[in-house]
Protein backbone atom coordinates (compact mmCIF):
# COMPACT_ATOMS: atom_id res chain seq x y z
CA MET A 1 1.46 -6.49 -35.41
CA ASP A 2 -0.84 -9.49 -35.09
CA SER A 3 -2.28 -11.08 -38.19
CA PRO A 4 -6.04 -10.83 -39.00
CA ARG A 5 -6.50 -14.48 -38.08
CA GLU A 6 -4.85 -13.93 -34.69
CA LYS A 7 -7.09 -10.92 -34.07
CA ASP A 8 -10.16 -13.06 -34.72
CA GLN A 9 -8.94 -15.60 -32.15
CA MET A 10 -8.25 -13.01 -29.44
CA PRO A 11 -11.63 -13.12 -27.65
CA GLY A 12 -11.36 -16.90 -27.38
CA PHE A 13 -7.89 -16.76 -25.86
CA LEU A 14 -8.92 -14.06 -23.41
CA ALA A 15 -12.00 -15.98 -22.30
CA LEU A 16 -9.90 -19.11 -21.87
CA LEU A 17 -7.29 -17.38 -19.71
CA ILE A 18 -9.93 -15.69 -17.56
CA ARG A 19 -11.88 -18.92 -17.14
CA VAL A 20 -8.79 -20.93 -16.19
CA ASN A 21 -7.67 -18.38 -13.59
CA LEU A 22 -11.17 -18.11 -12.12
CA ILE A 23 -11.33 -21.90 -11.79
CA GLN A 24 -7.92 -21.95 -10.11
CA ALA A 25 -8.94 -19.19 -7.68
CA TRP A 26 -12.16 -20.99 -6.83
CA ARG A 27 -10.32 -24.27 -6.21
CA ARG A 28 -7.79 -22.54 -3.97
CA LEU A 29 -10.63 -20.99 -1.99
CA LYS A 30 -12.36 -24.36 -1.65
CA SER A 31 -9.14 -26.03 -0.53
CA ILE A 32 -8.65 -23.40 2.16
CA VAL A 33 -12.20 -23.90 3.43
CA GLN A 34 -11.76 -27.68 3.43
CA GLN A 35 -8.48 -27.48 5.35
CA SER A 36 -9.93 -25.42 8.20
CA ARG A 37 -13.55 -24.31 8.24
CA LEU A 38 -13.11 -22.68 11.62
CA LEU A 39 -10.20 -20.54 10.46
CA ALA A 40 -12.03 -19.57 7.27
CA SER A 41 -15.05 -18.55 9.34
CA ILE A 42 -12.87 -16.49 11.67
CA ILE A 43 -11.27 -14.69 8.73
CA CYS A 44 -14.67 -13.94 7.18
CA ALA A 45 -15.84 -12.64 10.55
CA PHE A 46 -12.75 -10.42 10.81
CA ILE A 47 -13.33 -9.02 7.32
CA ALA A 48 -16.98 -8.37 8.10
CA GLY A 49 -15.98 -6.77 11.39
CA TYR A 50 -13.46 -4.53 9.67
CA ALA A 51 -16.08 -3.43 7.14
CA TRP A 52 -18.58 -2.70 9.90
CA ILE A 53 -16.10 -0.82 12.12
CA SER A 54 -14.85 1.30 9.23
CA PHE A 55 -18.44 2.00 8.17
CA TRP A 56 -19.33 3.02 11.73
CA LEU A 57 -16.28 5.31 12.03
CA PHE A 58 -16.97 6.95 8.67
CA HIS A 59 -20.62 7.41 9.60
CA LYS A 60 -19.76 9.02 12.94
CA GLY A 61 -17.20 11.28 11.29
CA LEU A 62 -19.57 12.43 8.56
CA LYS A 63 -22.35 13.04 11.11
CA PHE A 64 -19.92 15.13 13.17
CA VAL A 65 -18.96 17.21 10.13
CA GLU A 66 -22.60 17.67 9.12
CA GLN A 67 -23.37 19.27 12.51
CA PHE A 68 -21.52 22.47 11.53
CA PRO A 69 -24.24 24.75 10.16
CA GLY A 70 -23.46 25.96 6.67
CA LEU A 71 -19.97 24.41 6.72
CA GLY A 72 -20.83 20.70 6.93
CA PRO A 73 -21.78 20.16 3.27
CA LEU A 74 -18.77 22.23 2.12
CA LEU A 75 -16.32 20.20 4.22
CA THR A 76 -17.87 16.86 3.20
CA GLU A 77 -17.74 17.79 -0.47
CA ARG A 78 -14.12 18.90 -0.28
CA LEU A 79 -13.15 15.76 1.64
CA LEU A 80 -14.62 13.56 -1.08
CA PHE A 81 -12.75 15.47 -3.78
CA LEU A 82 -9.49 15.19 -1.86
CA LEU A 83 -9.99 11.51 -1.06
CA PHE A 84 -10.58 10.44 -4.64
CA ALA A 85 -7.79 12.69 -5.95
CA PHE A 86 -5.20 11.10 -3.67
CA LEU A 87 -6.60 7.63 -4.28
CA PHE A 88 -6.28 8.23 -8.02
CA VAL A 89 -2.57 8.99 -7.57
CA LEU A 90 -2.09 5.94 -5.34
CA LEU A 91 -3.94 3.73 -7.83
CA LEU A 92 -1.72 5.04 -10.61
CA PHE A 93 1.48 4.21 -8.71
CA SER A 94 0.13 0.82 -7.64
CA SER A 95 -0.90 -0.03 -11.20
CA LEU A 96 2.50 1.07 -12.49
CA VAL A 97 4.47 -1.13 -10.09
CA ILE A 98 2.21 -4.18 -10.40
CA SER A 99 1.98 -3.86 -14.19
CA TYR A 100 5.76 -3.64 -14.53
CA THR A 101 6.15 -6.77 -12.43
CA ASN A 102 3.43 -8.63 -14.32
CA TYR A 103 4.80 -7.71 -17.74
CA PHE A 104 8.53 -8.19 -17.26
CA ARG A 105 9.16 -10.10 -14.01
CA ASN A 106 6.49 -12.80 -14.16
CA ARG A 107 7.04 -16.46 -15.05
CA GLU A 108 3.52 -16.83 -16.41
CA THR A 109 4.14 -14.00 -18.87
CA ALA A 110 7.38 -15.59 -20.03
CA PHE A 111 5.56 -18.91 -20.47
CA LEU A 112 2.65 -17.37 -22.39
CA LEU A 113 5.03 -15.61 -24.78
CA THR A 114 6.37 -19.01 -25.89
CA LEU A 115 2.87 -20.24 -26.82
CA PRO A 116 0.99 -19.53 -30.06
CA ILE A 117 -1.04 -16.80 -28.36
CA PRO A 118 -1.22 -13.29 -29.89
CA ARG A 119 0.93 -10.80 -28.02
CA GLN A 120 -1.98 -8.36 -27.81
CA GLN A 121 -3.99 -11.06 -26.05
CA ILE A 122 -1.25 -11.61 -23.46
CA PHE A 123 -1.12 -7.87 -22.83
CA ARG A 124 -4.89 -7.81 -22.37
CA TRP A 125 -4.87 -10.56 -19.80
CA LYS A 126 -1.95 -9.15 -17.84
CA SER A 127 -3.56 -5.69 -17.85
CA ILE A 128 -6.79 -7.10 -16.43
CA GLU A 129 -4.90 -9.07 -13.80
CA SER A 130 -2.84 -6.02 -12.79
CA ALA A 131 -5.96 -3.85 -12.55
CA VAL A 132 -7.63 -6.36 -10.22
CA LEU A 133 -4.55 -6.67 -8.00
CA ALA A 134 -4.09 -2.90 -7.80
CA SER A 135 -7.71 -1.93 -7.12
CA TRP A 136 -9.03 -4.44 -4.59
CA ALA A 137 -7.72 -2.39 -1.66
CA PHE A 138 -9.25 0.76 -3.16
CA ILE A 139 -12.69 -0.89 -3.24
CA PHE A 140 -12.17 -2.29 0.26
CA LEU A 141 -11.49 1.23 1.55
CA THR A 142 -14.07 3.29 -0.34
CA ALA A 143 -17.07 0.94 -0.03
CA PRO A 144 -17.67 1.63 3.72
CA LEU A 145 -17.09 5.35 3.18
CA LEU A 146 -19.62 5.66 0.36
CA ALA A 147 -22.11 3.51 2.25
CA ALA A 148 -21.76 5.79 5.29
CA TYR A 149 -22.07 8.88 3.09
CA GLY A 150 -25.27 7.53 1.54
CA LEU A 151 -26.77 6.77 4.93
CA THR A 152 -25.82 10.22 6.25
CA ARG A 153 -27.43 11.98 3.30
CA GLY A 154 -30.48 9.69 3.20
CA VAL A 155 -30.06 8.77 -0.48
CA PRO A 156 -32.36 6.35 -2.34
CA TRP A 157 -31.37 2.75 -3.06
CA HIS A 158 -30.29 3.39 -6.65
CA PHE A 159 -27.47 5.65 -5.40
CA TYR A 160 -25.45 2.57 -4.39
CA CYS A 161 -25.96 0.88 -7.78
CA VAL A 162 -24.81 4.00 -9.63
CA THR A 163 -21.84 4.39 -7.29
CA VAL A 164 -20.67 0.85 -8.06
CA VAL A 165 -20.79 1.61 -11.79
CA LEU A 166 -18.88 4.88 -11.33
CA LEU A 167 -16.20 3.17 -9.25
CA ALA A 168 -15.81 0.42 -11.84
CA LEU A 169 -15.32 3.00 -14.60
CA PHE A 170 -12.94 5.07 -12.48
CA ILE A 171 -10.65 2.12 -11.72
CA VAL A 172 -10.00 1.48 -15.42
CA LEU A 173 -8.33 4.83 -16.15
CA PRO A 174 -5.38 4.68 -13.68
CA SER A 175 -4.93 1.00 -14.60
CA ILE A 176 -4.54 1.87 -18.29
CA ALA A 177 -2.25 4.81 -17.49
CA GLY A 178 -0.12 2.62 -15.20
CA SER A 179 0.21 -0.07 -17.87
CA TRP A 180 1.31 2.46 -20.50
CA ILE A 181 3.88 3.99 -18.16
CA ALA A 182 5.17 0.50 -17.30
CA VAL A 183 5.60 -0.35 -20.99
CA SER A 184 7.36 2.98 -21.59
CA LEU A 185 9.71 2.35 -18.66
CA GLY A 186 10.47 -1.10 -20.03
CA ARG A 187 11.32 0.26 -23.47
CA TYR A 188 13.23 3.44 -22.61
CA MET A 189 14.57 3.05 -19.07
CA ASP A 190 18.11 2.37 -20.30
CA ARG A 191 18.29 5.65 -22.26
CA ARG A 192 20.26 8.40 -20.60
CA ALA A 193 17.97 11.21 -21.73
CA PHE A 194 14.94 9.33 -20.41
CA GLN A 195 16.59 8.80 -17.00
CA ILE A 196 17.56 12.47 -16.68
CA ALA A 197 14.11 13.66 -17.74
CA ALA A 198 12.43 11.25 -15.31
CA LEU A 199 14.58 12.42 -12.38
CA ILE A 200 13.94 16.07 -13.21
CA CYS A 201 10.18 15.50 -13.44
CA VAL A 202 10.02 13.54 -10.17
CA GLY A 203 12.10 16.17 -8.36
CA ALA A 204 9.97 18.99 -9.71
CA ILE A 205 6.77 17.21 -8.67
CA LEU A 206 8.07 16.57 -5.14
CA VAL A 207 9.27 20.14 -4.65
CA GLY A 208 6.06 21.56 -6.08
CA ALA A 209 3.94 19.31 -3.88
CA ALA A 210 5.92 20.28 -0.78
CA PHE A 211 5.34 23.98 -1.39
CA TRP A 212 1.76 23.61 -2.58
CA LEU A 213 0.59 21.40 0.29
CA LYS A 214 2.21 23.55 2.98
CA ALA A 215 -0.47 24.44 5.49
CA GLU A 216 -1.27 28.08 6.18
CA PRO A 217 -1.38 28.93 9.90
CA VAL A 218 -4.42 30.72 11.26
CA THR A 219 -3.64 34.12 12.75
CA ASP A 220 -5.71 36.15 15.21
CA GLU A 221 -6.63 38.59 12.45
CA MET A 222 -8.11 35.78 10.39
CA LEU A 223 -10.20 34.56 13.32
CA GLU A 224 -11.82 37.99 13.61
CA THR A 225 -13.25 37.71 10.08
CA ARG A 226 -16.19 35.60 8.93
CA VAL A 227 -15.88 31.86 9.42
CA LEU A 228 -16.74 31.08 5.81
CA ALA A 229 -13.94 33.34 4.57
CA VAL A 230 -11.45 31.69 6.93
CA MET A 231 -12.50 28.21 5.79
CA ASP A 232 -12.24 29.23 2.16
CA ARG A 233 -8.71 30.50 2.75
CA LEU A 234 -7.67 27.38 4.68
CA LEU A 235 -9.04 25.11 1.96
CA GLU A 236 -7.47 27.10 -0.85
CA LYS A 237 -4.61 24.62 -1.26
CA THR A 238 -7.09 21.79 -1.76
CA ARG A 239 -8.62 23.25 -4.90
CA PHE A 240 -6.31 21.15 -7.07
CA ALA A 241 -8.64 18.24 -6.35
CA GLN A 242 -11.40 20.13 -8.19
CA PHE A 243 -9.47 20.42 -11.43
CA PRO A 244 -12.12 19.60 -14.09
CA PHE A 245 -9.86 17.33 -16.16
CA LEU A 246 -9.05 14.92 -13.32
CA PRO A 247 -10.90 11.56 -13.42
CA SER A 248 -11.30 11.84 -9.65
CA TYR A 249 -13.25 15.08 -10.22
CA TRP A 250 -15.67 13.29 -12.57
CA LEU A 251 -16.18 10.49 -10.04
CA SER A 252 -16.67 12.84 -7.06
CA SER A 253 -19.02 15.10 -9.02
CA GLY A 254 -21.07 12.13 -10.18
CA VAL A 255 -21.44 10.78 -6.64
CA LEU A 256 -22.29 14.19 -5.16
CA ASN A 257 -24.78 15.14 -7.88
CA TRP A 258 -26.58 11.81 -7.73
CA SER A 259 -26.88 12.02 -3.92
CA GLU A 260 -28.42 15.49 -4.28
CA GLY A 261 -30.93 14.39 -6.92
CA ALA A 262 -29.21 16.15 -9.84
CA PHE A 263 -29.45 13.10 -12.08
CA ALA A 264 -28.74 14.95 -15.34
CA SER A 265 -25.43 16.34 -14.05
CA ALA A 266 -24.48 12.99 -12.55
CA GLY A 267 -25.29 11.28 -15.85
CA PHE A 268 -23.09 13.78 -17.67
CA PHE A 269 -20.06 12.98 -15.49
CA ALA A 270 -20.79 9.25 -15.80
CA LEU A 271 -20.78 9.61 -19.60
CA VAL A 272 -17.51 11.56 -19.42
CA LEU A 273 -15.97 8.68 -17.48
CA LEU A 274 -17.45 6.12 -19.88
CA SER A 275 -16.20 7.92 -22.99
CA HIS A 276 -12.64 8.14 -21.68
CA VAL A 277 -12.71 4.51 -20.57
CA LEU A 278 -13.92 3.38 -24.00
CA PHE A 279 -11.44 5.54 -25.88
CA PHE A 280 -8.32 4.67 -23.90
CA GLY A 281 -9.50 1.10 -23.32
CA VAL A 282 -9.83 0.45 -27.05
CA LEU A 283 -6.38 1.94 -27.64
CA SER A 284 -4.89 -0.21 -24.89
CA PHE A 285 -6.63 -3.42 -25.94
CA THR A 286 -5.97 -3.11 -29.68
CA ARG A 287 -2.75 -1.12 -30.21
CA THR A 288 -0.39 -1.85 -27.31
CA GLY A 289 0.48 -5.50 -27.90
CA GLY A 290 3.35 -4.74 -30.28
CA LEU A 291 4.80 -2.12 -27.92
CA PHE A 292 4.47 -4.58 -25.04
CA PHE A 293 6.37 -7.27 -26.97
CA ASP A 294 9.14 -4.81 -27.90
CA ALA A 295 9.41 -3.74 -24.26
CA VAL A 296 9.66 -7.37 -23.09
CA SER A 297 12.41 -8.02 -25.64
CA THR A 298 14.27 -4.89 -24.53
CA VAL A 299 14.05 -5.71 -20.81
CA GLN A 300 15.16 -9.31 -21.27
CA SER A 301 18.07 -8.43 -23.57
CA ARG A 302 19.76 -5.58 -21.67
CA GLY A 303 22.13 -5.99 -18.80
CA SER A 304 21.47 -2.84 -16.79
CA VAL A 305 19.51 0.38 -17.15
CA LEU A 306 22.60 2.37 -16.09
CA ALA A 307 24.95 0.84 -18.66
CA ARG A 308 25.11 4.08 -20.68
CA TRP A 309 26.84 5.91 -17.80
CA ALA A 310 30.66 5.75 -17.71
CA TRP A 311 30.83 5.93 -13.92
CA PHE A 312 28.54 2.90 -13.62
CA ARG A 313 30.59 0.85 -16.08
CA THR A 314 33.74 1.71 -14.17
CA TRP A 315 32.19 0.82 -10.84
CA GLN A 316 30.80 -2.43 -12.27
CA SER A 317 34.15 -3.51 -13.66
CA ARG A 318 35.86 -2.82 -10.33
CA THR A 319 33.15 -4.71 -8.49
CA GLU A 320 33.54 -7.72 -10.75
CA GLN A 321 37.33 -7.75 -10.30
CA HIS A 322 37.34 -7.24 -6.55
CA TYR A 323 33.87 -8.39 -5.55
CA GLU A 324 34.51 -9.88 -2.17
CA ARG A 325 36.85 -7.11 -1.01
CA GLN A 326 35.00 -4.02 -2.22
CA GLU A 327 31.29 -4.81 -1.90
CA PRO A 328 29.82 -2.21 0.49
CA LEU A 329 26.91 -4.37 1.67
CA ARG A 330 29.11 -7.25 2.74
CA ARG A 331 31.50 -4.90 4.53
CA VAL A 332 28.60 -3.37 6.47
CA ILE A 333 27.12 -6.75 7.42
CA ASP A 334 30.56 -8.04 8.46
CA LEU A 335 30.61 -5.32 11.12
CA LEU A 336 28.07 -7.49 12.97
CA PHE A 337 30.93 -9.73 14.08
CA TRP A 338 28.94 -11.33 16.91
CA LEU A 339 26.69 -13.06 14.36
CA ARG A 340 27.64 -16.36 12.80
CA ALA A 341 29.08 -16.38 9.29
CA ASP A 342 26.10 -18.21 7.79
CA THR A 343 23.73 -15.73 9.42
CA ARG A 344 25.60 -12.78 7.91
CA ALA A 345 25.61 -14.47 4.51
CA PHE A 346 21.85 -15.02 4.71
CA LEU A 347 21.30 -11.36 5.62
CA VAL A 348 23.34 -10.31 2.58
CA LYS A 349 21.28 -12.63 0.39
CA ASP A 350 17.93 -11.25 1.57
CA ILE A 351 19.01 -7.62 1.20
CA ARG A 352 20.36 -8.27 -2.30
CA ILE A 353 17.15 -9.96 -3.44
CA PHE A 354 15.10 -7.06 -2.08
CA TRP A 355 17.26 -4.49 -3.85
CA ARG A 356 17.24 -6.36 -7.17
CA ASP A 357 13.43 -6.51 -7.22
CA THR A 358 12.36 -3.19 -8.71
CA SER A 359 8.74 -3.62 -7.64
CA GLN A 360 9.77 -3.91 -3.99
CA TRP A 361 11.93 -0.84 -3.47
CA ALA A 362 9.88 1.27 -5.91
CA GLN A 363 6.81 0.87 -3.71
CA THR A 364 8.96 1.65 -0.68
CA LEU A 365 10.03 4.95 -2.27
CA VAL A 366 6.40 5.86 -2.97
CA LEU A 367 5.43 5.07 0.62
CA PHE A 368 8.26 7.14 2.10
CA GLY A 369 7.43 9.97 -0.29
CA LEU A 370 3.93 10.11 1.17
CA LEU A 371 5.40 10.01 4.66
CA GLY A 372 7.64 12.93 3.76
CA VAL A 373 4.61 15.00 2.80
CA TYR A 374 2.96 14.00 6.10
CA ILE A 375 6.00 15.02 8.15
CA ILE A 376 6.44 18.32 6.30
CA ASN A 377 2.90 19.42 7.14
CA LEU A 378 2.99 18.35 10.79
CA ARG A 379 5.08 21.35 11.89
CA HIS A 380 2.45 23.74 10.53
CA PHE A 381 -0.37 21.85 12.20
CA SER A 382 1.29 21.94 15.62
CA HIS A 383 0.90 25.72 15.90
CA GLN A 384 -2.88 25.31 16.30
CA LEU A 385 -2.67 22.94 19.30
CA SER A 386 -3.34 24.62 22.63
CA ASN A 387 -6.19 22.63 24.21
CA PRO A 388 -5.06 19.54 26.22
CA PHE A 389 -7.84 17.44 24.68
CA TRP A 390 -6.65 18.11 21.13
CA ILE A 391 -3.01 17.61 22.10
CA ASN A 392 -3.84 14.13 23.44
CA LEU A 393 -6.06 13.28 20.50
CA VAL A 394 -3.60 14.38 17.82
CA SER A 395 -0.64 12.67 19.49
CA PHE A 396 -2.47 9.33 19.58
CA LEU A 397 -3.73 9.80 16.03
CA ASN A 398 -0.11 10.36 15.05
CA LEU A 399 0.80 7.08 16.77
CA GLY A 400 -1.95 5.37 14.80
CA ALA A 401 -0.67 6.87 11.53
CA CYS A 402 2.87 5.64 12.23
CA ALA A 403 1.55 2.19 13.15
CA LEU A 404 -0.55 2.01 9.97
CA ASN A 405 2.57 2.82 7.98
CA LEU A 406 4.32 0.00 9.80
CA ALA A 407 1.45 -2.39 9.03
CA THR A 408 1.71 -1.48 5.35
CA LEU A 409 5.43 -2.29 5.38
CA THR A 410 5.05 -5.61 7.18
CA THR A 411 2.10 -6.85 5.14
CA ARG A 412 3.53 -5.79 1.78
CA PHE A 413 7.21 -6.68 2.26
CA VAL A 414 7.64 -8.98 5.27
CA TYR A 415 4.72 -11.37 4.79
CA PRO A 416 5.79 -12.72 1.34
CA GLN A 417 9.45 -13.25 2.28
CA PHE A 418 9.08 -16.96 3.14
CA SER A 419 6.99 -17.66 0.04
CA LEU A 420 9.52 -15.90 -2.19
CA GLU A 421 12.08 -18.58 -1.34
CA GLY A 422 9.98 -20.74 -3.67
CA LYS A 423 11.67 -23.78 -5.14
CA ARG A 424 14.98 -22.76 -3.52
CA LEU A 425 13.60 -23.54 -0.08
CA TRP A 426 15.09 -27.04 -0.09
CA ILE A 427 18.61 -25.56 -0.33
CA VAL A 428 18.23 -23.78 3.01
CA GLY A 429 16.29 -26.70 4.46
CA MET A 430 19.12 -29.12 3.73
CA ALA A 431 21.82 -26.71 4.93
CA PRO A 432 23.13 -26.76 8.52
CA MET A 433 21.31 -23.49 9.14
CA GLY A 434 17.86 -25.10 8.79
CA LEU A 435 14.48 -23.55 8.20
CA LYS A 436 13.89 -22.63 11.83
CA ARG A 437 16.92 -20.37 11.99
CA MET A 438 16.07 -18.97 8.58
CA VAL A 439 12.64 -17.84 9.83
CA THR A 440 14.24 -16.40 12.98
CA ILE A 441 16.76 -14.44 10.90
CA LYS A 442 14.00 -13.09 8.65
CA PHE A 443 12.06 -11.97 11.72
CA ALA A 444 15.12 -10.30 13.26
CA LEU A 445 16.07 -8.54 10.03
CA ALA A 446 12.54 -7.27 9.43
CA GLY A 447 12.03 -6.32 13.07
CA TRP A 448 15.21 -4.30 13.61
CA THR A 449 15.07 -2.67 10.17
CA SER A 450 11.47 -1.54 10.58
CA LEU A 451 12.16 -0.48 14.18
CA ALA A 452 14.81 1.95 12.94
CA VAL A 453 12.22 3.43 10.58
CA THR A 454 9.30 3.58 13.03
CA LEU A 455 11.33 4.92 15.96
CA GLY A 456 12.78 7.66 13.79
CA LEU A 457 9.33 8.43 12.44
CA ILE A 458 7.64 8.62 15.85
CA VAL A 459 10.42 10.76 17.37
CA LEU A 460 10.46 13.12 14.39
CA SER A 461 6.68 13.46 14.25
CA CYS A 462 6.42 14.01 18.01
CA GLY A 463 9.10 16.68 17.71
CA MET A 464 7.09 18.36 14.96
CA LEU A 465 4.03 18.29 17.23
CA ASN A 466 6.01 19.74 20.18
CA VAL A 467 5.21 16.73 22.39
CA ARG A 468 6.96 16.61 25.78
CA TRP A 469 9.90 14.21 26.18
CA ASP A 470 8.09 11.93 28.65
CA ARG A 471 5.29 11.40 26.12
CA VAL A 472 7.86 10.80 23.39
CA LEU A 473 9.32 7.98 25.51
CA TYR A 474 5.83 6.56 26.04
CA PHE A 475 5.10 6.54 22.32
CA ALA A 476 8.56 5.16 21.54
CA PHE A 477 7.93 2.25 23.94
CA ALA A 478 4.53 1.63 22.36
CA ILE A 479 5.79 1.69 18.77
CA THR A 480 8.65 -0.67 19.70
CA ILE A 481 6.21 -3.27 21.01
CA MET A 482 3.94 -2.78 17.99
CA THR A 483 6.87 -3.12 15.59
CA PHE A 484 7.90 -6.55 16.79
CA THR A 485 4.27 -7.65 17.14
CA LEU A 486 3.37 -6.74 13.56
CA ASN A 487 6.58 -8.30 12.23
CA GLY A 488 5.93 -11.47 14.23
CA LEU A 489 2.39 -11.59 12.87
CA ALA A 490 3.56 -11.08 9.26
CA VAL A 491 6.39 -13.61 9.46
CA GLY A 492 4.24 -16.17 11.28
CA LEU A 493 1.30 -15.97 8.90
CA GLY A 494 3.69 -15.95 5.94
CA VAL A 495 5.04 -19.32 7.08
CA LEU A 496 1.66 -20.74 8.06
CA TYR A 497 0.06 -19.77 4.73
CA PRO A 498 2.84 -19.90 2.13
CA ASN A 499 2.37 -19.64 -1.63
CA PHE A 500 5.37 -21.17 -3.37
CA LYS A 501 3.70 -21.15 -6.79
CA GLU A 502 3.96 -17.37 -7.17
CA ASP A 503 7.04 -15.21 -7.54
CA ASN A 504 5.08 -11.96 -7.63
CA PRO A 505 4.87 -10.41 -4.12
CA SER A 506 1.67 -8.55 -5.05
CA LYS A 507 -0.13 -11.80 -5.82
CA ILE A 508 1.17 -13.42 -2.65
CA VAL A 509 -0.06 -10.53 -0.52
CA SER A 510 -3.43 -10.46 -2.33
CA GLY A 511 -4.12 -14.07 -1.36
CA PHE A 512 -5.87 -15.56 1.63
CA GLY A 513 -3.02 -15.23 4.15
CA GLY A 514 -2.07 -11.72 3.07
CA THR A 515 -5.64 -10.48 3.47
CA PHE A 516 -5.86 -12.15 6.87
CA CYS A 517 -2.59 -10.50 7.92
CA LEU A 518 -3.80 -7.08 6.75
CA VAL A 519 -7.12 -7.32 8.60
CA LEU A 520 -5.48 -8.56 11.81
CA SER A 521 -2.87 -5.78 11.61
CA PHE A 522 -5.51 -3.07 11.27
CA LEU A 523 -7.62 -4.47 14.08
CA TYR A 524 -4.55 -4.77 16.29
CA ILE A 525 -3.57 -1.15 15.61
CA ALA A 526 -7.08 0.13 16.35
CA GLY A 527 -7.26 -1.85 19.59
CA SER A 528 -3.72 -0.91 20.65
CA VAL A 529 -4.22 2.82 20.14
CA ALA A 530 -7.47 2.67 22.12
CA LEU A 531 -5.84 0.70 24.98
CA LEU A 532 -2.79 2.97 25.02
CA ALA A 533 -5.07 6.01 25.22
CA ILE A 534 -6.92 4.40 28.13
CA GLY A 535 -3.67 3.45 29.86
CA SER A 536 -1.98 6.79 29.26
CA PRO A 537 -0.62 8.41 32.44
CA TRP A 538 -1.89 11.76 31.16
CA ASP A 539 -5.49 12.77 30.82
CA ILE A 540 -7.31 16.05 30.52
CA SER A 541 -7.82 16.43 34.26
CA GLY A 542 -4.19 15.64 34.98
CA GLU A 543 -5.10 12.88 37.48
CA PHE A 544 -3.00 9.74 37.80
CA ARG A 545 -5.28 6.70 37.96
CA LEU A 546 -3.44 3.44 38.61
CA LEU A 547 -6.36 1.11 37.77
CA ARG A 548 -6.98 2.72 34.39
CA ILE A 549 -3.27 2.56 33.54
CA ALA A 550 -3.03 -1.10 34.58
CA VAL A 551 -6.06 -2.08 32.49
CA GLY A 552 -4.87 -0.21 29.40
CA MET A 553 -1.24 -1.31 29.49
CA GLY A 554 -2.13 -4.87 30.51
CA GLY A 555 -4.57 -5.19 27.64
CA PHE A 556 -2.04 -3.76 25.17
CA VAL A 557 0.76 -6.11 26.24
CA SER A 558 -1.58 -9.13 26.29
CA MET A 559 -2.91 -8.41 22.81
CA SER A 560 0.63 -7.88 21.52
CA ILE A 561 1.74 -11.25 22.86
CA LEU A 562 -1.34 -12.96 21.45
CA LEU A 563 -0.94 -11.57 17.91
CA GLY A 564 2.85 -11.36 17.73
CA TYR A 565 4.36 -14.17 19.78
CA PHE A 566 2.01 -17.08 19.14
CA PRO A 567 1.89 -16.87 15.30
CA LEU A 568 5.70 -16.81 15.27
CA ILE A 569 5.90 -19.81 17.63
CA PHE A 570 3.41 -21.79 15.53
CA ALA A 571 5.41 -20.92 12.41
CA LEU A 572 8.65 -22.15 13.98
CA ARG A 573 6.95 -25.40 14.98
CA LYS A 574 5.67 -25.86 11.43
CA VAL A 575 9.08 -25.39 9.77
CA THR A 576 10.65 -27.74 12.30
CA ALA A 577 8.49 -30.57 10.93
CA PHE A 578 8.52 -29.24 7.36
CA GLU A 579 9.13 -31.91 4.70
CA ILE A 580 11.50 -30.79 1.94
C-alpha cells in the first residue's frame, strides 16, 4: 500500500503525466502539419468525408426503417439496444487487450516503476491511457449514428449535449472492467486451475452464443399471422440486449427516453450510470495499485504461463535440446525451398514475434470469434432469399463485410509491422538483405496470409448464401485484388509514417498514419463495392451491358492500383534512401 504522503502527492503526479503526454501529442501534431500541410489537409478532409458519409448512410437507413407504420420505432429501438450491447462487449475486449499491453508489455510502465512515483498513480495513468486508446473508435462510430438518429426524430439541441455525457460515462465502465481482468490475468494466468476455469468459461460462452444467436426461419404459417407477432418472434433472440443490469441498457434507455421527452426517466438512467462509474472508479483509482504492482512483479518473474503442465515442460526441454531439428515453424517455412535462406529466416522471425505478443494474437482470436458467429448465422439467413434484388444486395453486402474484416486485419496488424522493428532496424538495414527486401517480404507475408483467410471466408460465406459458382468466382477475384491493395496500402503507409518510439501496436495504429490508413481503407471498400456492383455481369433484368461492366471494373482496378501500388512504391523508394 502507498504511504499517506504518497497519497497526498498522487493528484500532482497524475496532472504532471497527463500534461506531459498532452504536450507531446500536440507537438507531434504540429510537426506533422509543418512537414506537409497539404497531406494534413487531405487527411482532415478524408476524416470529415467519412463522418459525413456515415452520417448520411445512417440517416437514410433510419428514415427507411421509420417508414414502416407501427414497426419503425420498435425496430429502431431494438437496433440501438443491440448496437450498444455488442459495442459494450467489443469495448470490454479492447480494453482488456490494450490494458494488458500497457501494464505489462510497455517500456514506459517499466520506466515509471523505477521512479519515486506511487504505484497507484502509475495504474491511474495507464488506465486513463488505455481507456482513451480503446474508446476512440467507439466514439468515431457512434457519433454519426446518434447525430442521424437525432435528426430523424427531430430532437432539441440539448439531446446532443446529454448524449455526449452519457457516452462519456458509458465508456468508463468497460475500461475499468477490462483493467481489472487484465490485472487478474497477470496475477493468476500461470495457475492451472485458473487456466482450466478460463477455458471452460470461454467455451461455454461461445457454445451458448452460437445456440442463442441462431436465427429462426420464417415459415408460411408464421406469415399468415399478424405482422407484429411475427416481428416479436423474430426479435425474441435479441432480448438479451434489454437485460436491465447491462450498462448498454442504461445508455440506450437514457438516449431513447431523452429523445422522446421523458426527461425524468432519462435522468434516472444517467444517474444509474453515474453512480456505477463513481463507485467502481473510486475502487479502481484508490485500491488497485497494490494489485497492479503484484501483477507486474508476477509477470516479469515467471518464465511461462504453462510451466505448471508436465507436457509443456517436456516439450520445452526437447525443444531446447533439439531446437533447430524439431521446431515445427522452421520445418514448415523450409518447405518453401524456392525462397532464399535469409528470406525464410526473416519469415520465421516475423511469425515468432507475432506469436510471442499476446496482445496481437488475442485480438485476432476475438475477431475470428465474431466472424464465426457471422458465418454460423448466414446459413439461416439464406433461406429467406428468393427475390433477385435481395440476392444481389446481400451478396455484395457480404463482400463488403469480408472486406471490412480484411481492413481491420491490415490496419491493426500489418500497418505497425515496420514501426515495430524499432531500434533493431539498423541490423536489417546493414545486412545484405537490406530494407527494401525487408519491406517486400513483409508485404508478401501479409498479402498471402490474409489472402488465405479472405478467400476462405468469401467462399464459405457465399456457400452459406447459396450463391452460384460463377458469382463465387467473381467475388473471389474481387477479394483477391482488394486483399493485395489493402495490404499494399497498410505496408506503404506504415513505412511512410513510422513511429519507432513506441513498442505498443495499439498506440502506433492510433496515431496519424494509422488513422489515415483506416479512413482510406474504409473509403476504398465503400467505393470498390459500389463499382463492383455497377460492373457486375448480373443485374435484376438479366441483361448484359458491356459499357456498364467496363466502367465498373475499370474504376475498381484503377482505384486499386492508385491506393495499393503507389503507396508501396513510394515506401520502397523511401527505404532505399533511408539513413540508418
